[in-house]
C-alpha cells in the first residue's frame, strides 16, 4: 500500500500552519512528520491527533493507494 499525505500538506497551507507548529500543537514527533513527508505509514493515533488540531477527518489528510502489481494491474 502507498500512503499519500498530499491532502494534509494542502490543508496545512489552507489553514496557514507549518509542520513545526503542527508537531507542537498536536504533540507528534518530528520523526512522524518526516515519515509522512516520505509517504510512509504512521500510527493511527498520530493521524487522529493531527485531525483533532486541524478539525478534520482522516480522509481529509491521507489517501491510501494500492501498489500496482508487475503487470500494471491494481
N, C-alpha and C. Protein backbone atom coordinates (compact mmCIF):
# COMPACT_ATOMS: atom_id res chain seq x y z
N UNK A 1 0.83 -1.18 0.00
CA UNK A 1 0.00 0.00 0.00
C UNK A 1 0.88 1.24 0.00
N UNK A 2 0.35 2.28 -0.58
CA UNK A 2 1.04 3.55 -0.62
C UNK A 2 0.21 4.58 0.14
N UNK A 3 0.85 5.27 1.07
CA UNK A 3 0.18 6.32 1.83
C UNK A 3 0.51 7.66 1.19
N UNK A 4 -0.50 8.43 0.88
CA UNK A 4 -0.32 9.72 0.22
C UNK A 4 -0.87 10.82 1.13
N UNK A 5 0.01 11.70 1.60
CA UNK A 5 -0.37 12.76 2.53
C UNK A 5 -0.51 14.13 1.84
N UNK A 6 -0.63 14.15 0.53
CA UNK A 6 -0.76 15.43 -0.18
C UNK A 6 -1.94 16.26 0.33
N UNK A 7 -3.02 15.58 0.70
CA UNK A 7 -4.19 16.30 1.23
C UNK A 7 -3.83 17.04 2.52
N UNK A 8 -2.97 16.43 3.33
CA UNK A 8 -2.54 17.07 4.58
C UNK A 8 -1.76 18.34 4.29
N UNK A 9 -0.81 18.26 3.37
CA UNK A 9 0.02 19.43 3.07
C UNK A 9 -0.84 20.58 2.52
N UNK A 10 -1.81 20.25 1.68
CA UNK A 10 -2.71 21.28 1.14
C UNK A 10 -3.58 21.89 2.24
N UNK A 11 -4.07 21.05 3.14
CA UNK A 11 -4.90 21.54 4.24
C UNK A 11 -4.09 22.44 5.16
N UNK A 12 -2.84 22.08 5.40
CA UNK A 12 -1.98 22.91 6.25
C UNK A 12 -1.76 24.28 5.61
N UNK A 13 -1.59 24.32 4.31
CA UNK A 13 -1.44 25.60 3.61
C UNK A 13 -2.72 26.42 3.77
N UNK A 14 -3.86 25.77 3.55
CA UNK A 14 -5.14 26.47 3.68
C UNK A 14 -5.35 27.03 5.09
N UNK A 15 -4.91 26.29 6.10
CA UNK A 15 -5.10 26.71 7.48
C UNK A 15 -3.92 27.53 8.01
N UNK A 16 -2.95 27.77 7.13
CA UNK A 16 -1.78 28.60 7.48
C UNK A 16 -1.05 28.08 8.72
N UNK A 17 -0.73 26.79 8.70
CA UNK A 17 0.04 26.18 9.79
C UNK A 17 1.20 25.41 9.17
N UNK A 18 2.38 25.55 9.76
CA UNK A 18 3.53 24.83 9.22
C UNK A 18 3.78 23.54 10.01
N UNK A 19 4.72 22.74 9.55
CA UNK A 19 4.98 21.43 10.15
C UNK A 19 5.41 21.56 11.60
N UNK A 20 6.26 22.53 11.89
CA UNK A 20 6.75 22.71 13.26
C UNK A 20 5.60 23.06 14.20
N UNK A 21 4.74 23.96 13.79
CA UNK A 21 3.59 24.34 14.61
C UNK A 21 2.65 23.16 14.83
N UNK A 22 2.42 22.39 13.76
CA UNK A 22 1.52 21.25 13.86
C UNK A 22 2.09 20.20 14.81
N UNK A 23 3.38 19.93 14.71
CA UNK A 23 4.01 18.97 15.63
C UNK A 23 3.82 19.41 17.08
N UNK A 24 4.04 20.68 17.33
CA UNK A 24 3.93 21.20 18.70
C UNK A 24 2.50 21.13 19.20
N UNK A 25 1.56 21.61 18.40
CA UNK A 25 0.15 21.65 18.83
C UNK A 25 -0.46 20.26 18.96
N UNK A 26 -0.13 19.35 18.04
CA UNK A 26 -0.70 18.00 18.06
C UNK A 26 0.10 17.05 18.94
N UNK A 27 1.26 17.53 19.42
CA UNK A 27 2.14 16.70 20.24
C UNK A 27 2.54 15.42 19.51
N UNK A 28 2.97 15.60 18.27
CA UNK A 28 3.50 14.48 17.49
C UNK A 28 4.98 14.74 17.23
N UNK A 29 5.73 13.69 17.04
CA UNK A 29 7.17 13.82 16.87
C UNK A 29 7.53 14.33 15.48
N UNK A 30 8.68 14.95 15.42
CA UNK A 30 9.19 15.38 14.11
C UNK A 30 9.51 14.17 13.25
N UNK A 31 9.82 13.05 13.89
CA UNK A 31 10.07 11.80 13.17
C UNK A 31 8.81 11.36 12.43
N UNK A 32 7.66 11.45 13.08
CA UNK A 32 6.39 11.08 12.44
C UNK A 32 6.11 12.01 11.27
N UNK A 33 6.37 13.29 11.44
CA UNK A 33 6.16 14.25 10.36
C UNK A 33 7.09 13.95 9.18
N UNK A 34 8.33 13.56 9.48
CA UNK A 34 9.28 13.21 8.43
C UNK A 34 8.80 11.97 7.67
N UNK A 35 8.26 11.00 8.39
CA UNK A 35 7.73 9.79 7.74
C UNK A 35 6.59 10.15 6.79
N UNK A 36 5.72 11.05 7.22
CA UNK A 36 4.63 11.47 6.35
C UNK A 36 5.17 12.20 5.12
N UNK A 37 6.25 12.92 5.29
CA UNK A 37 6.89 13.59 4.16
C UNK A 37 7.43 12.62 3.13
N UNK A 38 7.73 11.40 3.59
CA UNK A 38 8.20 10.34 2.68
C UNK A 38 7.07 9.38 2.29
N UNK A 39 5.83 9.75 2.62
CA UNK A 39 4.65 8.93 2.35
C UNK A 39 4.76 7.54 2.96
N UNK A 40 5.27 7.48 4.19
CA UNK A 40 5.35 6.23 4.94
C UNK A 40 4.21 6.18 5.94
N UNK A 41 3.95 5.00 6.47
CA UNK A 41 2.86 4.85 7.43
C UNK A 41 3.28 5.41 8.79
N UNK A 42 2.30 5.92 9.50
CA UNK A 42 2.47 6.39 10.88
C UNK A 42 1.30 5.83 11.69
N UNK A 43 1.46 5.77 13.01
CA UNK A 43 0.36 5.23 13.83
C UNK A 43 -0.94 6.03 13.65
N UNK A 44 -2.04 5.32 13.73
CA UNK A 44 -3.36 5.95 13.61
C UNK A 44 -3.55 7.01 14.69
N UNK A 45 -3.00 6.78 15.85
CA UNK A 45 -3.10 7.76 16.94
C UNK A 45 -2.48 9.10 16.53
N UNK A 46 -1.38 9.05 15.81
CA UNK A 46 -0.73 10.27 15.32
C UNK A 46 -1.65 11.02 14.37
N UNK A 47 -2.26 10.29 13.45
CA UNK A 47 -3.17 10.91 12.49
C UNK A 47 -4.40 11.48 13.19
N UNK A 48 -4.87 10.80 14.22
CA UNK A 48 -6.03 11.28 14.98
C UNK A 48 -5.71 12.58 15.69
N UNK A 49 -4.50 12.70 16.25
CA UNK A 49 -4.09 13.95 16.91
C UNK A 49 -4.06 15.10 15.91
N UNK A 50 -3.54 14.83 14.72
CA UNK A 50 -3.47 15.85 13.67
C UNK A 50 -4.88 16.27 13.26
N UNK A 51 -5.77 15.30 13.08
CA UNK A 51 -7.16 15.60 12.72
C UNK A 51 -7.83 16.46 13.78
N UNK A 52 -7.53 16.18 15.04
CA UNK A 52 -8.12 16.94 16.13
C UNK A 52 -7.69 18.40 16.06
N UNK A 53 -6.42 18.65 15.81
CA UNK A 53 -5.91 20.02 15.73
C UNK A 53 -6.45 20.74 14.50
N UNK A 54 -6.49 20.04 13.36
CA UNK A 54 -6.93 20.66 12.11
C UNK A 54 -8.45 20.65 11.94
N UNK A 55 -9.15 20.04 12.89
CA UNK A 55 -10.62 19.95 12.84
C UNK A 55 -11.09 19.33 11.53
N UNK A 56 -10.58 18.12 11.27
CA UNK A 56 -10.91 17.44 10.01
C UNK A 56 -11.05 15.94 10.26
N UNK A 57 -11.36 15.20 9.23
CA UNK A 57 -11.46 13.75 9.30
C UNK A 57 -10.22 13.12 8.69
N UNK A 58 -10.04 11.84 8.97
CA UNK A 58 -8.88 11.11 8.47
C UNK A 58 -8.76 11.17 6.95
N UNK A 59 -9.89 11.03 6.25
CA UNK A 59 -9.84 11.06 4.78
C UNK A 59 -9.52 12.44 4.23
N UNK A 60 -9.49 13.45 5.10
CA UNK A 60 -9.10 14.80 4.68
C UNK A 60 -7.58 14.98 4.65
N UNK A 61 -6.84 14.03 5.26
CA UNK A 61 -5.39 14.21 5.34
C UNK A 61 -4.57 13.08 4.72
N UNK A 62 -5.17 11.93 4.51
CA UNK A 62 -4.40 10.81 3.95
C UNK A 62 -5.24 10.03 2.94
N UNK A 63 -4.56 9.56 1.92
CA UNK A 63 -5.19 8.70 0.92
C UNK A 63 -4.34 7.43 0.84
N UNK A 64 -5.00 6.29 0.87
CA UNK A 64 -4.29 5.01 0.80
C UNK A 64 -4.52 4.43 -0.59
N UNK A 65 -3.42 4.18 -1.27
CA UNK A 65 -3.48 3.66 -2.63
C UNK A 65 -2.83 2.28 -2.67
N UNK A 66 -3.26 1.48 -3.61
CA UNK A 66 -2.67 0.16 -3.80
C UNK A 66 -1.48 0.27 -4.74
N UNK A 67 -0.47 -0.54 -4.48
CA UNK A 67 0.67 -0.61 -5.39
C UNK A 67 0.23 -1.39 -6.63
N UNK A 68 0.71 -0.95 -7.76
CA UNK A 68 0.43 -1.71 -8.97
C UNK A 68 1.29 -2.97 -8.97
N UNK A 69 0.69 -4.08 -9.41
CA UNK A 69 1.49 -5.30 -9.46
C UNK A 69 2.38 -5.28 -10.72
N UNK A 70 3.11 -6.31 -10.92
CA UNK A 70 4.09 -6.36 -12.01
C UNK A 70 3.47 -6.21 -13.39
N UNK A 71 2.20 -6.56 -13.54
CA UNK A 71 1.53 -6.46 -14.83
C UNK A 71 0.83 -5.11 -15.03
N UNK A 72 0.97 -4.21 -14.06
CA UNK A 72 0.33 -2.90 -14.20
C UNK A 72 -1.10 -2.89 -13.73
N UNK A 73 -1.56 -3.95 -13.11
CA UNK A 73 -2.93 -4.02 -12.61
C UNK A 73 -2.97 -3.56 -11.16
N UNK A 74 -4.11 -3.03 -10.73
CA UNK A 74 -4.27 -2.62 -9.33
C UNK A 74 -4.64 -3.79 -8.47
